[in-house]
């Protein structure tokens, strides 16, 4: 199936995903540095935690509300808040005034709304897709998302620091375009059934908060989904080490330029290497995703998933210990190939697991797990001052082994997940 053969809603959503990801990635990666410069590192760290908490809270509320009232209204409300938030950020970071604390308050609303709409976007794609087509859909989504992130990060790297005002206005315009296209071109994809609104007779209908708690209690009772989420959390945690423990270790240990290749007069230090590794990963995904997909499309999906994850974890395990530039780049190539193999299949497994009447709630829990994975990656920075590198490498390897083992069990018992999906995930 080709991109132009997808359901119209999916084609529109993939385009809007590309547009909004490109826009926001010109801002989000640079915010912590912005707040550090304006308010100091300590306050910036605290603000980062508050913003992350707002995102997680938004995910919980957005996922639940979407399953009660539908997708479109939640998307429109969230995107309108994000759009207004970026307009406000532009005003308080204009040539006439710089107000970092108001900027912080605005980004609480922006990240809360972003968290609320993220699981709804994911549920919308599942609503209008069929299980047999989802692998292809998620392959395109993965490729477009990474391309958009690469372009957005490049724009932000060159323009963010000197042109805050114009970048914020540009993001607001992109969000306004997304809002208008969603309003006029996307129809509601999920109409809740009356019997689904009351989750249990034991919950007082007058207390929506208790209903929401019951909903997420049912999500956590779905053993297949819970193990899937735990495996994904470990995977994300290892992936985030490149910009956390691995990055800091390389900068500390390679503080003087070393030869990149024995026969080339090219020298790099630790910071250069981190940049090269990230660039290698991005370029490979943008340029080779479709090639890798075409090579493995006739292979057994379970074999592709598990092999891809093994390659991914092997690559990151090597990067967590080695300091040889060429070996590090080769390890990133191995990890990137593995990522391109497993990512679409993993996302397809997720989509095929969640029950029809609680898709947004399940996606919200999965989104929260990825945030926890990002957060726990920072723990390695703390313990790295106490433990030798080989110990941390062993821990990373064990995390990879556990995650792959969980996915091995999940693929063996995938029918259980589908049966649970049919009966509502209880």
Protein backbone atom coordinates (compact mmCIF):
# COMPACT_ATOMS: atom_id res chain seq x y z
CA UNK A 1 0.00 0.00 0.00
CA UNK A 2 1.33 3.42 -1.03
CA UNK A 3 0.97 6.69 0.88
CA UNK A 4 -1.69 8.04 -1.50
CA UNK A 5 -3.80 4.90 -1.03
CA UNK A 6 -4.29 5.52 2.70
CA UNK A 7 -7.59 6.66 4.16
CA UNK A 8 -7.94 10.47 3.61
CA UNK A 9 -7.87 11.11 7.36
CA UNK A 10 -4.56 9.25 7.66
CA UNK A 11 -3.02 11.19 4.77
CA UNK A 12 -4.10 14.50 6.30
CA UNK A 13 -2.92 13.46 9.75
CA UNK A 14 0.52 12.41 8.45
CA UNK A 15 0.90 15.76 6.68
CA UNK A 16 -0.12 17.67 9.80
CA UNK A 17 2.20 15.52 11.91
CA UNK A 18 5.07 16.49 9.62
CA UNK A 19 4.14 20.19 9.76
CA UNK A 20 3.65 20.48 13.51
CA UNK A 21 6.62 18.26 14.41
CA UNK A 22 8.91 20.34 12.20
CA UNK A 23 7.60 23.55 13.79
CA UNK A 24 7.77 22.47 17.44
CA UNK A 25 11.18 20.80 17.08
CA UNK A 26 12.57 24.20 16.12
CA UNK A 27 11.72 25.27 19.68
CA UNK A 28 11.36 22.42 22.20
CA UNK A 29 14.97 21.06 22.16
CA UNK A 30 16.32 24.55 22.88
CA UNK A 31 13.96 25.59 25.66
CA UNK A 32 16.04 24.22 28.54
CA UNK A 33 19.05 26.17 27.28
CA UNK A 34 16.89 29.29 26.89
CA UNK A 35 15.61 29.09 30.47
CA UNK A 36 19.11 28.30 31.76
CA UNK A 37 20.46 31.47 30.17
CA UNK A 38 17.57 33.62 31.37
CA UNK A 39 17.00 32.23 34.87
CA UNK A 40 19.97 30.00 35.79
CA UNK A 41 20.50 26.26 35.67
CA UNK A 42 18.85 25.42 39.02
CA UNK A 43 15.61 27.24 38.26
CA UNK A 44 15.64 25.91 34.68
CA UNK A 45 15.85 22.35 36.00
CA UNK A 46 12.89 22.94 38.29
CA UNK A 47 10.89 24.52 35.48
CA UNK A 48 11.67 21.55 33.24
CA UNK A 49 10.19 19.16 35.82
CA UNK A 50 7.05 21.30 36.13
CA UNK A 51 6.58 21.41 32.36
CA UNK A 52 7.05 17.63 32.13
CA UNK A 53 4.49 17.12 34.90
CA UNK A 54 2.05 19.32 32.96
CA UNK A 55 2.57 17.17 29.86
CA UNK A 56 1.90 13.95 31.77
CA UNK A 57 -1.20 15.42 33.43
CA UNK A 58 -2.47 16.51 30.04
CA UNK A 59 -1.96 13.00 28.65
CA UNK A 60 -4.02 11.46 31.44
CA UNK A 61 -6.91 13.90 31.03
CA UNK A 62 -6.81 14.09 27.23
CA UNK A 63 -6.77 10.33 26.79
CA UNK A 64 -9.74 9.79 29.09
CA UNK A 65 -11.84 12.70 27.78
CA UNK A 66 -11.29 11.67 24.15
CA UNK A 67 -12.73 8.22 24.88
CA UNK A 68 -15.81 9.91 26.37
CA UNK A 69 -16.59 12.62 23.80
CA UNK A 70 -14.60 11.74 20.64
CA UNK A 71 -11.34 12.84 19.04
CA UNK A 72 -12.00 15.97 17.01
CA UNK A 73 -13.16 18.34 19.76
CA UNK A 74 -10.17 17.45 21.96
CA UNK A 75 -7.76 18.02 19.06
CA UNK A 76 -9.30 21.37 18.14
CA UNK A 77 -9.33 22.64 21.74
CA UNK A 78 -5.74 21.53 22.41
CA UNK A 79 -4.37 22.94 19.14
CA UNK A 80 -6.12 26.27 19.72
CA UNK A 81 -4.52 26.54 23.19
CA UNK A 82 -1.09 25.63 21.80
CA UNK A 83 -1.48 28.19 19.00
CA UNK A 84 -2.48 30.97 21.41
CA UNK A 85 0.34 29.91 23.73
CA UNK A 86 2.98 30.35 21.04
CA UNK A 87 1.49 33.73 20.05
CA UNK A 88 1.81 34.74 23.70
CA UNK A 89 5.39 33.41 23.81
CA UNK A 90 6.21 35.54 20.78
CA UNK A 91 4.77 38.66 22.43
CA UNK A 92 6.78 38.19 25.65
CA UNK A 93 9.95 37.39 23.69
CA UNK A 94 9.66 40.23 21.20
CA UNK A 95 12.09 43.04 20.36
CA UNK A 96 10.23 45.13 22.94
CA UNK A 97 10.33 42.85 26.01
CA UNK A 98 11.75 39.59 27.36
CA UNK A 99 9.66 38.00 30.13
CA UNK A 100 10.99 34.48 30.88
CA UNK A 101 8.64 33.72 33.77
CA UNK A 102 5.56 34.48 31.68
CA UNK A 103 7.14 32.38 28.92
CA UNK A 104 7.38 29.53 31.42
CA UNK A 105 3.69 29.86 32.38
CA UNK A 106 2.71 29.83 28.71
CA UNK A 107 4.75 26.69 28.10
CA UNK A 108 2.96 24.96 30.98
CA UNK A 109 -0.27 25.43 29.02
CA UNK A 110 1.43 24.50 25.75
CA UNK A 111 2.90 21.27 27.13
CA UNK A 112 -0.30 20.40 29.01
CA UNK A 113 -2.24 20.69 25.74
CA UNK A 114 0.47 18.85 23.81
CA UNK A 115 0.25 16.00 26.30
CA UNK A 116 -3.55 16.00 26.04
CA UNK A 117 -3.60 15.79 22.25
CA UNK A 118 -0.76 13.30 21.68
CA UNK A 119 -2.68 10.10 22.61
CA UNK A 120 -5.70 11.43 20.71
CA UNK A 121 -3.64 11.76 17.53
CA UNK A 122 -2.50 8.17 17.98
CA UNK A 123 -6.03 6.90 18.63
CA UNK A 124 -7.35 8.75 15.56
CA UNK A 125 -4.92 6.85 13.30
CA UNK A 126 -6.02 3.54 14.82
CA UNK A 127 -9.70 4.47 14.41
CA UNK A 128 -9.49 4.69 10.61
CA UNK A 129 -6.88 2.02 9.88
CA UNK A 130 -7.07 -1.75 9.52
CA UNK A 131 -4.66 -4.16 11.27
CA UNK A 132 -3.27 -5.43 7.96
CA UNK A 133 -2.34 -1.87 6.87
CA UNK A 134 -0.93 -0.47 10.08
CA UNK A 135 2.65 -1.59 9.61
CA UNK A 136 2.90 0.39 6.36
CA UNK A 137 1.16 3.39 7.91
CA UNK A 138 3.50 3.45 10.89
CA UNK A 139 6.52 3.03 8.64
CA UNK A 140 5.57 6.24 6.80
CA UNK A 141 4.69 7.97 10.09
CA UNK A 142 8.07 7.00 11.58
CA UNK A 143 9.94 8.23 8.50
CA UNK A 144 8.03 11.52 8.23
CA UNK A 145 8.33 12.22 11.97
CA UNK A 146 12.09 11.78 11.93
CA UNK A 147 12.49 13.87 8.78
CA UNK A 148 10.38 16.64 10.32
CA UNK A 149 12.37 16.49 13.57
CA UNK A 150 15.65 16.74 11.65
CA UNK A 151 14.49 19.74 9.61
CA UNK A 152 12.97 21.48 12.64
CA UNK A 153 16.06 20.95 14.80
CA UNK A 154 18.26 22.32 12.03
CA UNK A 155 16.06 25.43 11.71
CA UNK A 156 16.10 25.93 15.47
CA UNK A 157 19.87 25.45 15.72
CA UNK A 158 20.46 28.34 13.31
CA UNK A 159 17.59 30.68 14.19
CA UNK A 160 16.24 30.07 17.70
CA UNK A 161 18.73 32.05 19.77
CA UNK A 162 18.68 35.20 17.66
CA UNK A 163 15.10 35.11 16.39
CA UNK A 164 12.85 33.92 19.27
CA UNK A 165 10.00 36.16 18.19
CA UNK A 166 9.88 34.97 14.58
CA UNK A 167 10.29 31.30 15.48
CA UNK A 168 7.36 31.46 17.94
CA UNK A 169 5.20 33.26 15.37
CA UNK A 170 6.12 30.63 12.75
CA UNK A 171 5.12 27.78 15.09
CA UNK A 172 1.82 29.53 15.88
CA UNK A 173 1.07 29.86 12.15
CA UNK A 174 1.76 26.14 11.62
CA UNK A 175 -0.58 25.28 14.51
CA UNK A 176 -3.25 27.57 13.08
CA UNK A 177 -2.96 25.79 9.72
CA UNK A 178 -3.27 22.43 11.50
CA UNK A 179 -6.35 23.68 13.40
CA UNK A 180 -8.07 24.90 10.25
CA UNK A 181 -7.34 21.75 8.24
CA UNK A 182 -8.53 19.56 11.11
CA UNK A 183 -11.72 21.63 11.50
CA UNK A 184 -12.66 21.63 7.81
CA UNK A 185 -11.16 18.38 6.47
CA UNK A 186 -11.26 15.76 9.23
CA UNK A 187 -14.52 14.19 10.34
CA UNK A 188 -15.02 12.69 13.79
CA UNK A 189 -13.56 9.17 13.79
CA UNK A 190 -14.99 7.88 17.07
CA UNK A 191 -18.52 8.20 18.45
CA UNK A 192 -18.66 6.84 22.01
CA UNK A 193 -21.45 4.41 22.72
CA UNK A 194 -23.75 5.32 25.59
CA UNK A 195 -22.98 2.14 27.47
CA UNK A 196 -19.25 2.87 27.36
CA UNK A 197 -19.56 6.17 29.23
CA UNK A 198 -20.44 4.47 32.52
CA UNK A 199 -17.46 2.25 33.24
CA UNK A 200 -18.85 0.43 36.22
CA UNK A 201 -21.99 0.49 38.34
CA UNK A 202 -19.85 0.98 41.43
CA UNK A 203 -18.62 4.36 40.30
CA UNK A 204 -20.80 7.37 41.06
CA UNK A 205 -21.73 8.94 37.74
CA UNK A 206 -21.58 12.36 39.37
CA UNK A 207 -17.85 12.03 40.09
CA UNK A 208 -15.96 12.04 36.75
CA UNK A 209 -12.62 11.84 38.58
CA UNK A 210 -13.52 8.45 40.03
CA UNK A 211 -14.65 7.28 36.61
CA UNK A 212 -11.29 8.34 35.19
CA UNK A 213 -9.42 6.47 37.92
CA UNK A 214 -11.49 3.36 37.22
CA UNK A 215 -10.73 3.68 33.52
CA UNK A 216 -6.97 3.78 34.08
CA UNK A 217 -7.22 1.01 36.67
CA UNK A 218 -8.72 -1.17 33.92
CA UNK A 219 -5.89 -0.17 31.59
CA UNK A 220 -3.27 -1.21 34.14
CA UNK A 221 -5.11 -4.51 34.69
CA UNK A 222 -4.45 -5.43 31.05
CA UNK A 223 -1.37 -7.60 31.63
CA UNK A 224 -0.32 -7.86 27.98
CA UNK A 225 -0.41 -4.07 27.54
CA UNK A 226 1.36 -3.49 30.86
CA UNK A 227 4.27 -5.75 29.91
CA UNK A 228 4.40 -4.16 26.46
CA UNK A 229 4.62 -0.72 28.08
CA UNK A 230 7.35 -1.83 30.49
CA UNK A 231 9.41 -3.21 27.59
CA UNK A 232 8.96 0.04 25.66
CA UNK A 233 9.96 2.09 28.72
CA UNK A 234 13.26 0.21 28.98
CA UNK A 235 13.85 0.70 25.27
CA UNK A 236 13.25 4.46 25.44
CA UNK A 237 15.45 4.74 28.52
CA UNK A 238 18.36 3.13 26.68
CA UNK A 239 17.80 5.29 23.59
CA UNK A 240 17.88 8.49 25.67
CA UNK A 241 21.34 7.63 27.02
CA UNK A 242 22.91 9.20 23.91
CA UNK A 243 21.93 12.68 25.09
CA UNK A 244 22.42 11.83 28.76
CA UNK A 245 25.02 9.43 30.15
CA UNK A 246 26.72 8.45 26.87
CA UNK A 247 26.97 12.05 25.69
CA UNK A 248 28.38 13.35 28.98
CA UNK A 249 30.85 10.43 29.19
CA UNK A 250 32.18 11.09 25.69
CA UNK A 251 32.59 14.80 26.37
CA UNK A 252 34.46 14.08 29.63
CA UNK A 253 36.70 11.29 28.30
CA UNK A 254 37.51 12.76 24.88
CA UNK A 255 38.22 16.35 25.86
CA UNK A 256 41.12 16.62 23.41
CA UNK A 257 40.72 16.07 19.64
CA UNK A 258 41.54 12.53 18.45
CA UNK A 259 41.88 11.10 14.97
CA UNK A 260 38.59 10.01 13.43
CA UNK A 261 40.24 7.58 11.00
CA UNK A 262 43.87 6.42 10.95
CA UNK A 263 44.50 7.63 7.39
CA UNK A 264 42.54 10.88 7.54
CA UNK A 265 43.69 14.17 9.03
CA UNK A 266 40.29 14.67 10.67
CA UNK A 267 40.18 15.12 14.42
CA UNK A 268 37.14 15.17 16.71
CA UNK A 269 36.49 15.63 20.41
CA UNK A 270 33.68 14.23 22.54
CA UNK A 271 31.19 16.98 21.69
CA UNK A 272 31.88 16.54 17.97
CA UNK A 273 31.32 12.80 18.31
CA UNK A 274 27.95 13.21 20.03
CA UNK A 275 26.85 15.47 17.20
CA UNK A 276 28.14 13.02 14.61
CA UNK A 277 26.33 10.11 16.24
CA UNK A 278 23.03 12.00 16.32
CA UNK A 279 23.51 13.11 12.72
CA UNK A 280 24.36 9.57 11.62
CA UNK A 281 21.18 8.25 13.25
CA UNK A 282 19.00 10.95 11.67
CA UNK A 283 20.49 10.64 8.18
CA UNK A 284 20.21 6.85 8.16
CA UNK A 285 16.56 6.94 9.25
CA UNK A 286 15.61 9.63 6.73
CA UNK A 287 17.50 8.05 3.84
CA UNK A 288 17.22 4.33 4.53
CA UNK A 289 13.90 3.62 6.26
CA UNK A 290 12.12 2.67 3.05
CA UNK A 291 15.12 0.63 1.85
CA UNK A 292 15.30 -1.37 5.08
CA UNK A 293 11.52 -1.83 5.00
CA UNK A 294 11.62 -3.20 1.45
CA UNK A 295 14.43 -5.62 2.38
CA UNK A 296 12.69 -7.10 5.43
CA UNK A 297 9.05 -6.93 4.25
CA UNK A 298 8.98 -10.64 3.33
CA UNK A 299 10.70 -11.75 6.52
CA UNK A 300 8.81 -13.06 9.52
CA UNK A 301 7.65 -10.01 11.53
CA UNK A 302 8.56 -11.56 14.86
CA UNK A 303 12.08 -12.25 13.60
CA UNK A 304 12.39 -8.68 12.28
CA UNK A 305 11.15 -7.18 15.56
CA UNK A 306 13.45 -9.19 17.82
CA UNK A 307 16.47 -8.95 15.51
CA UNK A 308 15.99 -5.19 15.21
CA UNK A 309 15.86 -4.78 18.97
CA UNK A 310 18.95 -6.95 19.44
CA UNK A 311 20.87 -4.81 16.95
CA UNK A 312 19.61 -1.65 18.64
CA UNK A 313 20.69 -2.72 22.12
CA UNK A 314 24.04 -4.09 20.89
CA UNK A 315 24.79 -0.73 19.27
CA UNK A 316 23.93 1.26 22.39
CA UNK A 317 25.81 -1.13 24.66
CA UNK A 318 28.95 -0.59 22.59
CA UNK A 319 28.45 3.18 22.63
CA UNK A 320 28.07 3.12 26.42
CA UNK A 321 31.63 1.84 26.84
CA UNK A 322 33.79 2.49 23.79
CA UNK A 323 35.72 5.71 23.11
CA UNK A 324 37.03 4.79 19.63
CA UNK A 325 35.38 7.17 17.12
CA UNK A 326 35.12 4.69 14.24
CA UNK A 327 33.70 1.95 16.49
CA UNK A 328 31.18 4.41 17.94
CA UNK A 329 29.95 5.39 14.48
CA UNK A 330 29.71 1.73 13.44
CA UNK A 331 27.74 1.00 16.61
CA UNK A 332 25.33 3.82 15.79
CA UNK A 333 24.87 2.42 12.28
CA UNK A 334 24.01 -0.98 13.81
CA UNK A 335 21.61 0.61 16.31
CA UNK A 336 19.94 2.71 13.62
CA UNK A 337 19.36 -0.30 11.36
CA UNK A 338 17.83 -2.11 14.32
CA UNK A 339 15.60 0.88 15.08
CA UNK A 340 14.32 1.01 11.51
CA UNK A 341 13.51 -2.70 11.70
CA UNK A 342 11.60 -2.79 14.98
CA UNK A 343 9.91 0.65 15.28
CA UNK A 344 6.98 0.21 12.81
CA UNK A 345 6.26 -3.33 14.03
CA UNK A 346 6.31 -2.24 17.68
CA UNK A 347 3.86 0.59 16.96
CA UNK A 348 1.63 -1.81 15.03
CA UNK A 349 1.61 -4.21 17.98
CA UNK A 350 0.53 -1.35 20.23
CA UNK A 351 -2.30 -0.33 17.89
CA UNK A 352 -3.53 -3.91 17.59
CA UNK A 353 -3.51 -4.42 21.36
CA UNK A 354 -5.67 -1.55 22.61
CA UNK A 355 -9.47 -2.06 22.90
CA UNK A 356 -11.64 -0.03 20.55
CA UNK A 357 -13.54 1.88 23.24
CA UNK A 358 -10.47 3.02 25.22
CA UNK A 359 -7.86 3.76 22.60
CA UNK A 360 -6.97 7.24 23.84
CA UNK A 361 -6.68 6.09 27.45
CA UNK A 362 -4.30 3.29 26.45
CA UNK A 363 -2.27 5.65 24.27
CA UNK A 364 -2.10 8.10 27.18
CA UNK A 365 -0.59 5.45 29.45
CA UNK A 366 1.89 4.51 26.74
CA UNK A 367 2.83 8.18 26.29
CA UNK A 368 3.42 8.51 30.04
CA UNK A 369 5.65 5.44 29.94
CA UNK A 370 7.81 7.03 27.25
CA UNK A 371 8.14 10.16 29.41
CA UNK A 372 9.21 8.00 32.34
CA UNK A 373 11.75 6.35 30.05
CA UNK A 374 13.18 9.74 29.18
CA UNK A 375 13.22 10.72 32.86
CA UNK A 376 14.84 7.52 34.12
CA UNK A 377 17.61 7.97 31.56
CA UNK A 378 18.73 10.95 33.61
CA UNK A 379 19.24 8.67 36.62
CA UNK A 380 22.34 7.31 34.86
CA UNK A 381 23.88 10.78 35.05
CA UNK A 382 23.50 10.73 38.83
CA UNK A 383 24.84 7.23 39.44
CA UNK A 384 27.64 7.60 36.87
CA UNK A 385 29.67 9.57 39.43
CA UNK A 386 29.61 6.57 41.78
CA UNK A 387 29.82 3.57 39.46
CA UNK A 388 32.51 2.64 36.92
CA UNK A 389 31.60 2.71 33.19
CA UNK A 390 31.67 -1.10 32.88
CA UNK A 391 28.95 -1.38 35.55
CA UNK A 392 26.71 1.06 33.73
CA UNK A 393 27.36 -0.77 30.47
CA UNK A 394 26.26 -4.03 32.13
CA UNK A 395 23.10 -2.31 33.42
CA UNK A 396 22.29 -1.00 29.92
CA UNK A 397 22.89 -4.45 28.44
CA UNK A 398 20.60 -6.01 31.08
CA UNK A 399 17.88 -3.45 30.33
CA UNK A 400 18.14 -4.43 26.68
CA UNK A 401 18.03 -8.12 27.52
CA UNK A 402 14.93 -7.68 29.71
CA UNK A 403 13.16 -5.56 27.10
CA UNK A 404 13.91 -8.02 24.30
CA UNK A 405 12.87 -10.91 26.55
CA UNK A 406 9.55 -9.20 27.26
CA UNK A 407 8.94 -8.65 23.55
CA UNK A 408 9.83 -12.30 22.92
CA UNK A 409 7.14 -13.34 25.42
CA UNK A 410 4.68 -10.83 23.96
CA UNK A 411 5.11 -12.10 20.41
CA UNK A 412 4.67 -15.69 21.59
CA UNK A 413 1.47 -14.70 23.40
CA UNK A 414 0.19 -12.07 20.97
CA UNK A 415 -3.14 -13.88 20.63
CA UNK A 416 -3.73 -13.22 24.32
CA UNK A 417 -3.32 -9.50 23.69
CA UNK A 418 -5.83 -9.61 20.83
CA UNK A 419 -8.33 -11.53 22.97
CA UNK A 420 -7.96 -8.96 25.74
CA UNK A 421 -8.49 -6.21 23.19
CA UNK A 422 -11.81 -7.73 22.15
CA UNK A 423 -13.15 -7.95 25.69
CA UNK A 424 -11.99 -4.47 26.67
CA UNK A 425 -8.62 -5.05 28.26
CA UNK A 426 -9.77 -6.34 31.62
